[in-house]
């Protein structure tokens, strides 16, 4: 579910993962680590997790 919510926010509200993390006051490395545990990696060119 986290994967889906983050990708929706990236698609609809934020130009980058950094923008999302700053606005929502989320630690970027913790978010990336959490999603990496589920097999997802951030792609900055596409601005989404795969």
Protein backbone atom coordinates (compact mmCIF):
# COMPACT_ATOMS: atom_id res chain seq x y z
CA UNK A 1 0.00 0.00 0.00
CA UNK A 2 2.87 2.40 0.79
CA UNK A 3 4.20 1.84 -2.73
CA UNK A 4 0.86 2.82 -4.25
CA UNK A 5 0.37 5.93 -2.11
CA UNK A 6 3.89 7.23 -2.70
CA UNK A 7 3.70 6.71 -6.46
CA UNK A 8 0.31 8.43 -6.58
CA UNK A 9 1.71 11.42 -4.68
CA UNK A 10 4.75 11.53 -6.97
CA UNK A 11 2.53 11.42 -10.04
CA UNK A 12 -0.07 13.93 -8.89
CA UNK A 13 1.62 16.29 -6.44
CA UNK A 14 5.43 16.26 -6.46
CA UNK A 15 8.08 16.76 -9.11
CA UNK A 16 10.59 14.62 -7.21
CA UNK A 17 11.03 12.29 -4.27
CA UNK A 18 13.03 15.01 -2.53
CA UNK A 19 10.11 17.45 -2.84
CA UNK A 20 7.72 14.86 -1.39
CA UNK A 21 10.01 14.08 1.54
CA UNK A 22 10.61 17.73 2.37
CA UNK A 23 6.93 18.63 2.21
CA UNK A 24 5.74 15.63 4.24
CA UNK A 25 8.76 15.75 6.58
CA UNK A 26 9.73 12.17 5.79
CA UNK A 27 13.28 10.86 5.98
CA UNK A 28 14.12 9.98 2.39
CA UNK A 29 16.62 7.25 3.17
CA UNK A 30 14.18 5.51 5.52
CA UNK A 31 11.44 5.66 2.90
CA UNK A 32 13.72 4.30 0.17
CA UNK A 33 14.98 1.56 2.51
CA UNK A 34 11.45 0.54 3.45
CA UNK A 35 10.37 0.29 -0.19
CA UNK A 36 13.62 -1.47 -1.15
CA UNK A 37 12.78 -4.19 1.39
CA UNK A 38 9.68 -4.87 -0.71
CA UNK A 39 11.74 -4.88 -3.92
CA UNK A 40 11.06 -1.34 -5.17
CA UNK A 41 13.67 1.20 -6.30
CA UNK A 42 13.14 4.89 -7.05
CA UNK A 43 13.66 5.92 -10.68
CA UNK A 44 14.24 9.70 -10.80
CA UNK A 45 13.85 9.87 -14.59
CA UNK A 46 10.32 8.46 -14.27
CA UNK A 47 9.70 10.00 -10.81
CA UNK A 48 8.31 6.75 -9.46
CA UNK A 49 9.21 3.56 -7.68
CA UNK A 50 9.55 0.37 -9.73
